[in-house]
């Protein structure tokens, strides 16, 4: 029994598609999971209001607004548009520290 060129081409295309699907599945399984509060710790947020020591911050650009509490000196404040670093998360509150300006 002879196979026509169209049947051979269809089989080859099917095998290639199957190989690509398997490759995509394996790649997806190896990716690091990045959800939950563990992902937020260490990220940068931007103050929406003055943090003295409590206020609100934008996380992920202007996508999410969170209540934040400034850790550290009780005399420290963060003005709106300043960057802070998230140090911990509890419930719906973030604890943040003032981001140090980089020396050039």
PDB file of N, CA and C in Angstrom:
ATOM      1  N   UNK A   1       0.847  -1.176   0.000  1.00  0.00           N
ATOM      2  CA  UNK A   1       0.000   0.000   0.000  1.00  0.00           C
ATOM      3  C   UNK A   1       0.893   1.239   0.000  1.00  0.00           C
ATOM      4  N   UNK A   2       0.664   2.103  -0.932  1.00  0.00           N
ATOM      5  CA  UNK A   2       1.441   3.326  -1.042  1.00  0.00           C
ATOM      6  C   UNK A   2       0.678   4.483  -0.424  1.00  0.00           C
ATOM      7  N   UNK A   3       1.464   5.397   0.240  1.00  0.00           N
ATOM      8  CA  UNK A   3       0.842   6.595   0.803  1.00  0.00           C
ATOM      9  C   UNK A   3       1.131   7.756  -0.135  1.00  0.00           C
ATOM     10  N   UNK A   4       0.133   8.591  -0.282  1.00  0.00           N
ATOM     11  CA  UNK A   4       0.319   9.746  -1.152  1.00  0.00           C
ATOM     12  C   UNK A   4       1.120  10.833  -0.431  1.00  0.00           C
ATOM     13  N   UNK A   5       1.603  11.801  -1.181  1.00  0.00           N
ATOM     14  CA  UNK A   5       2.375  12.900  -0.614  1.00  0.00           C
ATOM     15  C   UNK A   5       1.579  13.714   0.383  1.00  0.00           C
ATOM     16  N   UNK A   6       0.280  13.840   0.167  1.00  0.00           N
ATOM     17  CA  UNK A   6      -0.573  14.617   1.071  1.00  0.00           C
ATOM     18  C   UNK A   6      -0.688  13.942   2.433  1.00  0.00           C
ATOM     19  N   UNK A   7      -0.781  12.623   2.447  1.00  0.00           N
ATOM     20  CA  UNK A   7      -0.881  11.886   3.709  1.00  0.00           C
ATOM     21  C   UNK A   7       0.432  11.999   4.485  1.00  0.00           C
ATOM     22  N   UNK A   8       1.554  11.864   3.801  1.00  0.00           N
ATOM     23  CA  UNK A   8       2.862  11.973   4.457  1.00  0.00           C
ATOM     24  C   UNK A   8       3.044  13.384   5.015  1.00  0.00           C
ATOM     25  N   UNK A   9       2.664  14.402   4.273  1.00  0.00           N
ATOM     26  CA  UNK A   9       2.765  15.787   4.737  1.00  0.00           C
ATOM     27  C   UNK A   9       1.888  16.016   5.965  1.00  0.00           C
ATOM     28  N   UNK A  10       0.680  15.471   5.958  1.00  0.00           N
ATOM     29  CA  UNK A  10      -0.228  15.612   7.096  1.00  0.00           C
ATOM     30  C   UNK A  10       0.340  14.937   8.334  1.00  0.00           C
ATOM     31  N   UNK A  11       0.939  13.762   8.185  1.00  0.00           N
ATOM     32  CA  UNK A  11       1.546  13.053   9.319  1.00  0.00           C
ATOM     33  C   UNK A  11       2.721  13.852   9.876  1.00  0.00           C
ATOM     34  N   UNK A  12       3.567  14.374   9.007  1.00  0.00           N
ATOM     35  CA  UNK A  12       4.722  15.162   9.454  1.00  0.00           C
ATOM     36  C   UNK A  12       4.265  16.418  10.191  1.00  0.00           C
ATOM     37  N   UNK A  13       3.258  17.108   9.658  1.00  0.00           N
ATOM     38  CA  UNK A  13       2.730  18.307  10.324  1.00  0.00           C
ATOM     39  C   UNK A  13       2.130  17.964  11.693  1.00  0.00           C
ATOM     40  N   UNK A  14       1.430  16.840  11.757  1.00  0.00           N
ATOM     41  CA  UNK A  14       0.854  16.403  13.035  1.00  0.00           C
ATOM     42  C   UNK A  14       1.926  16.106  14.066  1.00  0.00           C
ATOM     43  N   UNK A  15       3.003  15.435  13.658  1.00  0.00           N
ATOM     44  CA  UNK A  15       4.096  15.118  14.581  1.00  0.00           C
ATOM     45  C   UNK A  15       4.776  16.400  15.059  1.00  0.00           C
ATOM     46  N   UNK A  16       4.990  17.361  14.163  1.00  0.00           N
ATOM     47  CA  UNK A  16       5.607  18.637  14.544  1.00  0.00           C
ATOM     48  C   UNK A  16       4.718  19.392  15.535  1.00  0.00           C
ATOM     49  N   UNK A  17       3.421  19.443  15.264  1.00  0.00           N
ATOM     50  CA  UNK A  17       2.487  20.115  16.180  1.00  0.00           C
ATOM     51  C   UNK A  17       2.482  19.447  17.548  1.00  0.00           C
ATOM     52  N   UNK A  18       2.463  18.131  17.584  1.00  0.00           N
ATOM     53  CA  UNK A  18       2.488  17.393  18.836  1.00  0.00           C
ATOM     54  C   UNK A  18       3.777  17.691  19.605  1.00  0.00           C
ATOM     55  N   UNK A  19       4.892  17.743  18.894  1.00  0.00           N
ATOM     56  CA  UNK A  19       6.167  18.065  19.528  1.00  0.00           C
ATOM     57  C   UNK A  19       6.170  19.459  20.133  1.00  0.00           C
ATOM     58  N   UNK A  20       5.603  20.438  19.418  1.00  0.00           N
ATOM     59  CA  UNK A  20       5.529  21.801  19.944  1.00  0.00           C
ATOM     60  C   UNK A  20       4.642  21.894  21.174  1.00  0.00           C
ATOM     61  N   UNK A  21       3.551  21.155  21.172  1.00  0.00           N
ATOM     62  CA  UNK A  21       2.647  21.152  22.323  1.00  0.00           C
ATOM     63  C   UNK A  21       3.344  20.552  23.542  1.00  0.00           C
ATOM     64  N   UNK A  22       4.034  19.447  23.355  1.00  0.00           N
ATOM     65  CA  UNK A  22       4.767  18.811  24.464  1.00  0.00           C
ATOM     66  C   UNK A  22       5.841  19.759  24.985  1.00  0.00           C
ATOM     67  N   UNK A  23       6.564  20.421  24.085  1.00  0.00           N
ATOM     68  CA  UNK A  23       7.591  21.379  24.485  1.00  0.00           C
ATOM     69  C   UNK A  23       6.983  22.511  25.326  1.00  0.00           C
ATOM     70  N   UNK A  24       5.843  23.051  24.896  1.00  0.00           N
ATOM     71  CA  UNK A  24       5.190  24.138  25.630  1.00  0.00           C
ATOM     72  C   UNK A  24       4.728  23.682  27.010  1.00  0.00           C
ATOM     73  N   UNK A  25       4.233  22.476  27.121  1.00  0.00           N
ATOM     74  CA  UNK A  25       3.793  21.942  28.414  1.00  0.00           C
ATOM     75  C   UNK A  25       4.972  21.794  29.361  1.00  0.00           C
ATOM     76  N   UNK A  26       6.074  21.253  28.876  1.00  0.00           N
ATOM     77  CA  UNK A  26       7.268  21.077  29.715  1.00  0.00           C
ATOM     78  C   UNK A  26       7.794  22.426  30.177  1.00  0.00           C
ATOM     79  N   UNK A  27       7.835  23.406  29.279  1.00  0.00           N
ATOM     80  CA  UNK A  27       8.305  24.744  29.645  1.00  0.00           C
ATOM     81  C   UNK A  27       7.425  25.384  30.706  1.00  0.00           C
ATOM     82  N   UNK A  28       6.125  25.225  30.573  1.00  0.00           N
ATOM     83  CA  UNK A  28       5.188  25.800  31.542  1.00  0.00           C
ATOM     84  C   UNK A  28       5.350  25.156  32.911  1.00  0.00           C
ATOM     85  N   UNK A  29       5.639  23.882  32.953  1.00  0.00           N
ATOM     86  CA  UNK A  29       5.808  23.184  34.223  1.00  0.00           C
ATOM     87  C   UNK A  29       7.088  23.599  34.947  1.00  0.00           C
ATOM     88  N   UNK A  30       8.097  24.018  34.211  1.00  0.00           N
ATOM     89  CA  UNK A  30       9.380  24.400  34.818  1.00  0.00           C
ATOM     90  C   UNK A  30       9.410  25.840  35.297  1.00  0.00           C
ATOM     91  N   UNK A  31       8.446  26.662  34.881  1.00  0.00           N
ATOM     92  CA  UNK A  31       8.422  28.071  35.281  1.00  0.00           C
ATOM     93  C   UNK A  31       8.183  28.214  36.770  1.00  0.00           C
ATOM     94  N   UNK A  32       8.824  29.211  37.365  1.00  0.00           N
ATOM     95  CA  UNK A  32       8.647  29.488  38.786  1.00  0.00           C
ATOM     96  C   UNK A  32       7.258  30.074  39.018  1.00  0.00           C
ATOM     97  N   UNK A  33       6.600  29.586  40.032  1.00  0.00           N
ATOM     98  CA  UNK A  33       5.296  30.093  40.400  1.00  0.00           C
ATOM     99  C   UNK A  33       5.467  31.437  41.090  1.00  0.00           C
ATOM    100  N   UNK A  34       4.743  32.438  40.682  1.00  0.00           N
ATOM    101  CA  UNK A  34       4.904  33.761  41.285  1.00  0.00           C
ATOM    102  C   UNK A  34       3.547  34.355  41.626  1.00  0.00           C
ATOM    103  N   UNK A  35       2.989  33.874  42.723  1.00  0.00           N
ATOM    104  CA  UNK A  35       1.729  34.418  43.199  1.00  0.00           C
ATOM    105  C   UNK A  35       1.797  34.541  44.702  1.00  0.00           C
ATOM    106  N   UNK A  36       0.903  35.296  45.249  1.00  0.00           N
ATOM    107  CA  UNK A  36       0.823  35.413  46.685  1.00  0.00           C
ATOM    108  C   UNK A  36       1.712  36.511  47.238  1.00  0.00           C
ATOM    109  N   UNK A  37       1.723  36.575  48.568  1.00  0.00           N
ATOM    110  CA  UNK A  37       2.435  37.663  49.229  1.00  0.00           C
ATOM    111  C   UNK A  37       3.945  37.515  49.137  1.00  0.00           C
ATOM    112  N   UNK A  38       4.437  36.300  48.955  1.00  0.00           N
ATOM    113  CA  UNK A  38       5.887  36.112  48.856  1.00  0.00           C
ATOM    114  C   UNK A  38       6.442  36.901  47.678  1.00  0.00           C
ATOM    115  N   UNK A  39       5.673  37.017  46.619  1.00  0.00           N
ATOM    116  CA  UNK A  39       6.113  37.734  45.431  1.00  0.00           C
ATOM    117  C   UNK A  39       6.214  39.237  45.692  1.00  0.00           C
ATOM    118  N   UNK A  40       5.400  39.782  46.571  1.00  0.00           N
ATOM    119  CA  UNK A  40       5.370  41.226  46.805  1.00  0.00           C
ATOM    120  C   UNK A  40       6.550  41.729  47.627  1.00  0.00           C
ATOM    121  N   UNK A  41       7.069  40.894  48.501  1.00  0.00           N
ATOM    122  CA  UNK A  41       8.151  41.325  49.382  1.00  0.00           C
ATOM    123  C   UNK A  41       9.386  41.656  48.551  1.00  0.00           C
ATOM    124  N   UNK A  42       9.924  42.855  48.775  1.00  0.00           N
ATOM    125  CA  UNK A  42      11.091  43.314  48.032  1.00  0.00           C
ATOM    126  C   UNK A  42      10.747  44.173  46.825  1.00  0.00           C
ATOM    127  N   UNK A  43       9.482  44.201  46.431  1.00  0.00           N
ATOM    128  CA  UNK A  43       9.081  45.019  45.284  1.00  0.00           C
ATOM    129  C   UNK A  43       9.007  46.488  45.683  1.00  0.00           C
ATOM    130  N   UNK A  44       9.031  47.329  44.667  1.00  0.00           N
ATOM    131  CA  UNK A  44       8.940  48.767  44.875  1.00  0.00           C
ATOM    132  C   UNK A  44       7.492  49.211  44.713  1.00  0.00           C
ATOM    133  N   UNK A  45       7.062  50.111  45.597  1.00  0.00           N
ATOM    134  CA  UNK A  45       5.738  50.718  45.503  1.00  0.00           C
ATOM    135  C   UNK A  45       5.932  52.232  45.502  1.00  0.00           C
ATOM    136  N   UNK A  46       4.926  52.962  45.083  1.00  0.00           N
ATOM    137  CA  UNK A  46       5.000  54.420  45.029  1.00  0.00           C
ATOM    138  C   UNK A  46       3.921  54.997  45.938  1.00  0.00           C
ATOM    139  N   UNK A  47       4.332  55.909  46.814  1.00  0.00           N
ATOM    140  CA  UNK A  47       3.394  56.507  47.767  1.00  0.00           C
ATOM    141  C   UNK A  47       2.332  57.307  47.019  1.00  0.00           C
ATOM    142  N   UNK A  48       1.089  57.070  47.373  1.00  0.00           N
ATOM    143  CA  UNK A  48      -0.023  57.831  46.817  1.00  0.00           C
ATOM    144  C   UNK A  48      -0.321  59.013  47.739  1.00  0.00           C
ATOM    145  N   UNK A  49      -0.251  58.756  49.047  1.00  0.00           N
ATOM    146  CA  UNK A  49      -0.449  59.800  50.050  1.00  0.00           C
ATOM    147  C   UNK A  49       0.801  59.845  50.925  1.00  0.00           C
ATOM    148  N   UNK A  50       0.884  60.849  51.786  1.00  0.00           N
ATOM    149  CA  UNK A  50       2.010  60.940  52.710  1.00  0.00           C
ATOM    150  C   UNK A  50       1.940  59.774  53.690  1.00  0.00           C
ATOM    151  N   UNK A  51       3.066  59.093  53.865  1.00  0.00           N
ATOM    152  CA  UNK A  51       3.138  58.005  54.843  1.00  0.00           C
ATOM    153  C   UNK A  51       3.755  58.586  56.106  1.00  0.00           C
ATOM    154  N   UNK A  52       2.948  58.712  57.157  1.00  0.00           N
ATOM    155  CA  UNK A  52       3.414  59.319  58.397  1.00  0.00           C
ATOM    156  C   UNK A  52       2.764  58.666  59.598  1.00  0.00           C
ATOM    157  N   UNK A  53       2.948  57.488  59.996  1.00  0.00           N
ATOM    158  CA  UNK A  53       3.587  56.395  59.288  1.00  0.00           C
ATOM    159  C   UNK A  53       2.624  55.620  58.401  1.00  0.00           C
ATOM    160  N   UNK A  54       1.320  56.013  58.406  1.00  0.00           N
ATOM    161  CA  UNK A  54       0.327  55.245  57.648  1.00  0.00           C
ATOM    162  C   UNK A  54      -0.170  56.058  56.462  1.00  0.00           C
ATOM    163  N   UNK A  55      -0.441  55.382  55.361  1.00  0.00           N
ATOM    164  CA  UNK A  55      -0.966  56.038  54.167  1.00  0.00           C
ATOM    165  C   UNK A  55      -1.294  54.988  53.132  1.00  0.00           C
ATOM    166  N   UNK A  56      -1.323  55.394  51.861  1.00  0.00           N
ATOM    167  CA  UNK A  56      -1.609  54.447  50.791  1.00  0.00           C
ATOM    168  C   UNK A  56      -0.503  54.505  49.743  1.00  0.00           C
ATOM    169  N   UNK A  57      -0.312  53.368  49.077  1.00  0.00           N
ATOM    170  CA  UNK A  57       0.713  53.246  48.042  1.00  0.00           C
ATOM    171  C   UNK A  57       0.135  52.559  46.816  1.00  0.00           C
ATOM    172  N   UNK A  58       0.760  52.843  45.656  1.00  0.00           N
ATOM    173  CA  UNK A  58       0.441  52.132  44.421  1.00  0.00           C
ATOM    174  C   UNK A  58       1.414  50.973  44.294  1.00  0.00           C
ATOM    175  N   UNK A  59       0.906  49.797  44.003  1.00  0.00           N
ATOM    176  CA  UNK A  59       1.736  48.629  43.733  1.00  0.00           C
ATOM    177  C   UNK A  59       1.454  48.233  42.290  1.00  0.00           C
ATOM    178  N   UNK A  60       2.482  47.784  41.571  1.00  0.00           N
ATOM    179  CA  UNK A  60       2.327  47.415  40.161  1.00  0.00           C
ATOM    180  C   UNK A  60       1.875  48.618  39.350  1.00  0.00           C
ATOM    181  N   UNK A  61       2.661  49.685  39.385  1.00  0.00           N
ATOM    182  CA  UNK A  61       2.292  50.900  38.672  1.00  0.00           C
ATOM    183  C   UNK A  61       1.156  51.574  39.404  1.00  0.00           C
ATOM    184  N   UNK A  62       0.075  51.829  38.703  1.00  0.00           N
ATOM    185  CA  UNK A  62      -1.095  52.410  39.367  1.00  0.00           C
ATOM    186  C   UNK A  62      -2.240  51.406  39.379  1.00  0.00           C
ATOM    187  N   UNK A  63      -1.893  50.126  39.296  1.00  0.00           N
ATOM    188  CA  UNK A  63      -2.907  49.092  39.223  1.00  0.00           C
ATOM    189  C   UNK A  63      -3.588  48.771  40.543  1.00  0.00           C
ATOM    190  N   UNK A  64      -2.826  48.770  41.624  1.00  0.00           N
ATOM    191  CA  UNK A  64      -3.390  48.373  42.916  1.00  0.00           C
ATOM    192  C   UNK A  64      -3.044  49.418  43.969  1.00  0.00           C
ATOM    193  N   UNK A  65      -4.028  49.798  44.766  1.00  0.00           N
ATOM    194  CA  UNK A  65      -3.797  50.729  45.869  1.00  0.00           C
ATOM    195  C   UNK A  65      -3.897  49.933  47.165  1.00  0.00           C
ATOM    196  N   UNK A  66      -2.853  50.052  47.998  1.00  0.00           N
ATOM    197  CA  UNK A  66      -2.786  49.328  49.261  1.00  0.00           C
ATOM    198  C   UNK A  66      -2.593  50.304  50.421  1.00  0.00           C
ATOM    199  N   UNK A  67      -3.079  49.922  51.593  1.00  0.00           N
ATOM    200  CA  UNK A  67      -2.760  50.649  52.816  1.00  0.00           C
ATOM    201  C   UNK A  67      -1.360  50.227  53.218  1.00  0.00           C
ATOM    202  N   UNK A  68      -0.526  51.219  53.566  1.00  0.00           N
ATOM    203  CA  UNK A  68       0.859  50.926  53.914  1.00  0.00           C
ATOM    204  C   UNK A  68       1.224  51.581  55.235  1.00  0.00           C
ATOM    205  N   UNK A  69       2.112  50.916  55.963  1.00  0.00           N
ATOM    206  CA  UNK A  69       2.639  51.441  57.216  1.00  0.00           C
ATOM    207  C   UNK A  69       4.146  51.535  57.068  1.00  0.00           C
ATOM    208  N   UNK A  70       4.695  52.711  57.344  1.00  0.00           N
ATOM    209  CA  UNK A  70       6.122  52.961  57.205  1.00  0.00           C
ATOM    210  C   UNK A  70       6.853  52.440  58.432  1.00  0.00           C
ATOM    211  N   UNK A  71       7.835  51.572  58.198  1.00  0.00           N
ATOM    212  CA  UNK A  71       8.651  51.041  59.286  1.00  0.00           C
ATOM    213  C   UNK A  71       9.852  51.947  59.492  1.00  0.00           C
ATOM    214  N   UNK A  72      10.466  51.843  60.654  1.00  0.00           N
ATOM    215  CA  UNK A  72      11.681  52.603  60.905  1.00  0.00           C
ATOM    216  C   UNK A  72      11.443  53.718  61.891  1.00  0.00           C
ATOM    217  N   UNK A  73      12.212  54.790  61.733  1.00  0.00           N
ATOM    218  CA  UNK A  73      12.140  55.950  62.614  1.00  0.00           C
ATOM    219  C   UNK A  73      10.735  56.524  62.655  1.00  0.00           C
ATOM    220  N   UNK A  74      10.269  56.873  63.845  1.00  0.00           N
ATOM    221  CA  UNK A  74       8.935  57.461  63.938  1.00  0.00           C
ATOM    222  C   UNK A  74       8.910  58.871  63.353  1.00  0.00           C
ATOM    223  N   UNK A  75      10.091  59.484  63.178  1.00  0.00           N
ATOM    224  CA  UNK A  75      10.139  60.832  62.602  1.00  0.00           C
ATOM    225  C   UNK A  75      10.208  60.802  61.076  1.00  0.00           C
ATOM    226  N   UNK A  76      10.412  59.621  60.472  1.00  0.00           N
ATOM    227  CA  UNK A  76      10.476  59.508  59.016  1.00  0.00           C
ATOM    228  C   UNK A  76       9.094  59.685  58.405  1.00  0.00           C
ATOM    229  N   UNK A  77       9.065  60.317  57.252  1.00  0.00           N
ATOM    230  CA  UNK A  77       7.845  60.396  56.455  1.00  0.00           C
ATOM    231  C   UNK A  77       8.217  60.147  55.001  1.00  0.00           C
ATOM    232  N   UNK A  78       7.242  59.730  54.236  1.00  0.00           N
ATOM    233  CA  UNK A  78       7.414  59.551  52.793  1.00  0.00           C
ATOM    234  C   UNK A  78       6.361  60.413  52.125  1.00  0.00           C
ATOM    235  N   UNK A  79       6.793  61.234  51.211  1.00  0.00           N
ATOM    236  CA  UNK A  79       5.888  62.129  50.492  1.00  0.00           C
ATOM    237  C   UNK A  79       5.287  61.409  49.277  1.00  0.00           C
ATOM    238  N   UNK A  80       4.143  61.893  48.775  1.00  0.00           N
ATOM    239  CA  UNK A  80       3.559  61.291  47.578  1.00  0.00           C
ATOM    240  C   UNK A  80       4.559  61.267  46.415  1.00  0.00           C
ATOM    241  N   UNK A  81       4.496  60.219  45.621  1.00  0.00           N
ATOM    242  CA  UNK A  81       5.362  59.965  44.464  1.00  0.00           C
ATOM    243  C   UNK A  81       6.742  59.433  44.829  1.00  0.00           C
ATOM    244  N   UNK A  82       7.082  59.318  46.126  1.00  0.00           N
ATOM    245  CA  UNK A  82       8.360  58.722  46.520  1.00  0.00           C
ATOM    246  C   UNK A  82       8.235  57.205  46.483  1.00  0.00           C
ATOM    247  N   UNK A  83       9.378  56.550  46.233  1.00  0.00           N
ATOM    248  CA  UNK A  83       9.388  55.090  46.174  1.00  0.00           C
ATOM    249  C   UNK A  83       9.669  54.496  47.546  1.00  0.00           C
ATOM    250  N   UNK A  84       9.006  53.377  47.820  1.00  0.00           N
ATOM    251  CA  UNK A  84       9.228  52.603  49.044  1.00  0.00           C
ATOM    252  C   UNK A  84       9.407  51.139  48.666  1.00  0.00           C
ATOM    253  N   UNK A  85      10.007  50.373  49.572  1.00  0.00           N
ATOM    254  CA  UNK A  85      10.211  48.947  49.354  1.00  0.00           C
ATOM    255  C   UNK A  85       9.318  48.174  50.317  1.00  0.00           C
ATOM    256  N   UNK A  86       8.619  47.176  49.796  1.00  0.00           N
ATOM    257  CA  UNK A  86       7.715  46.362  50.616  1.00  0.00           C
ATOM    258  C   UNK A  86       8.553  45.365  51.412  1.00  0.00           C
ATOM    259  N   UNK A  87       8.373  45.359  52.754  1.00  0.00           N
ATOM    260  CA  UNK A  87       9.137  44.451  53.611  1.00  0.00           C
ATOM    261  C   UNK A  87       8.299  43.291  54.138  1.00  0.00           C
ATOM    262  N   UNK A  88       7.010  43.515  54.323  1.00  0.00           N
ATOM    263  CA  UNK A  88       6.135  42.411  54.722  1.00  0.00           C
ATOM    264  C   UNK A  88       4.692  42.745  54.407  1.00  0.00           C
ATOM    265  N   UNK A  89       3.874  41.704  54.412  1.00  0.00           N
ATOM    266  CA  UNK A  89       2.455  41.836  54.102  1.00  0.00           C
ATOM    267  C   UNK A  89       1.675  41.111  55.177  1.00  0.00           C
ATOM    268  N   UNK A  90       0.644  41.761  55.701  1.00  0.00           N
ATOM    269  CA  UNK A  90      -0.240  41.125  56.678  1.00  0.00           C
ATOM    270  C   UNK A  90      -1.663  41.533  56.344  1.00  0.00           C
ATOM    271  N   UNK A  91      -2.447  40.565  55.932  1.00  0.00           N
ATOM    272  CA  UNK A  91      -3.817  40.860  55.533  1.00  0.00           C
ATOM    273  C   UNK A  91      -3.816  41.769  54.321  1.00  0.00           C
ATOM    274  N   UNK A  92      -4.450  42.926  54.468  1.00  0.00           N
ATOM    275  CA  UNK A  92      -4.513  43.887  53.368  1.00  0.00           C
ATOM    276  C   UNK A  92      -3.621  45.097  53.624  1.00  0.00           C
ATOM    277  N   UNK A  93      -2.626  44.938  54.500  1.00  0.00           N
ATOM    278  CA  UNK A  93      -1.697  46.028  54.795  1.00  0.00           C
ATOM    279  C   UNK A  93      -0.285  45.638  54.412  1.00  0.00           C
ATOM    280  N   UNK A  94       0.447  46.634  53.924  1.00  0.00           N
ATOM    281  CA  UNK A  94       1.851  46.452  53.588  1.00  0.00           C
ATOM    282  C   UNK A  94       2.706  47.216  54.585  1.00  0.00           C
ATOM    283  N   UNK A  95       3.822  46.630  54.979  1.00  0.00           N
ATOM    284  CA  UNK A  95       4.823  47.346  55.751  1.00  0.00           C
ATOM    285  C   UNK A  95       5.926  47.693  54.774  1.00  0.00           C
ATOM    286  N   UNK A  96       6.333  48.949  54.783  1.00  0.00           N
ATOM    287  CA  UNK A  96       7.292  49.421  53.809  1.00  0.00           C
ATOM    288  C   UNK A  96       8.424  50.188  54.480  1.00  0.00           C
ATOM    289  N   UNK A  97       9.544  50.306  53.766  1.00  0.00           N
ATOM    290  CA  UNK A  97      10.648  51.149  54.203  1.00  0.00           C
ATOM    291  C   UNK A  97      10.937  52.141  53.092  1.00  0.00           C
ATOM    292  N   UNK A  98      11.474  53.278  53.483  1.00  0.00           N
ATOM    293  CA  UNK A  98      11.830  54.311  52.513  1.00  0.00           C
ATOM    294  C   UNK A  98      12.949  53.795  51.633  1.00  0.00           C
ATOM    295  N   UNK A  99      12.802  53.948  50.335  1.00  0.00           N
ATOM    296  CA  UNK A  99      13.827  53.483  49.407  1.00  0.00           C
ATOM    297  C   UNK A  99      14.961  54.496  49.392  1.00  0.00           C
ATOM    298  N   UNK A 100      16.174  53.999  49.595  1.00  0.00           N
ATOM    299  CA  UNK A 100      17.336  54.864  49.608  1.00  0.00           C
ATOM    300  C   UNK A 100      17.653  55.332  48.198  1.00  0.00           C
ATOM    301  N   UNK A 101      18.011  56.586  48.061  1.00  0.00           N
ATOM    302  CA  UNK A 101      18.402  57.115  46.760  1.00  0.00           C
ATOM    303  C   UNK A 101      19.778  56.569  46.404  1.00  0.00           C
ATOM    304  N   UNK A 102      19.933  56.134  45.154  1.00  0.00           N
ATOM    305  CA  UNK A 102      21.212  55.563  44.710  1.00  0.00           C
ATOM    306  C   UNK A 102      22.220  56.667  44.487  1.00  0.00           C
ATOM    307  N   UNK A 103      23.439  56.431  44.982  1.00  0.00           N
ATOM    308  CA  UNK A 103      24.538  57.378  44.770  1.00  0.00           C
ATOM    309  C   UNK A 103      25.092  57.182  43.371  1.00  0.00           C
ATOM    310  N   UNK A 104      25.441  58.273  42.677  1.00  0.00           N
ATOM    311  CA  UNK A 104      26.017  58.149  41.331  1.00  0.00           C
ATOM    312  C   UNK A 104      27.452  58.497  41.348  1.00  0.00           C
TER     313      UNK A 104
END
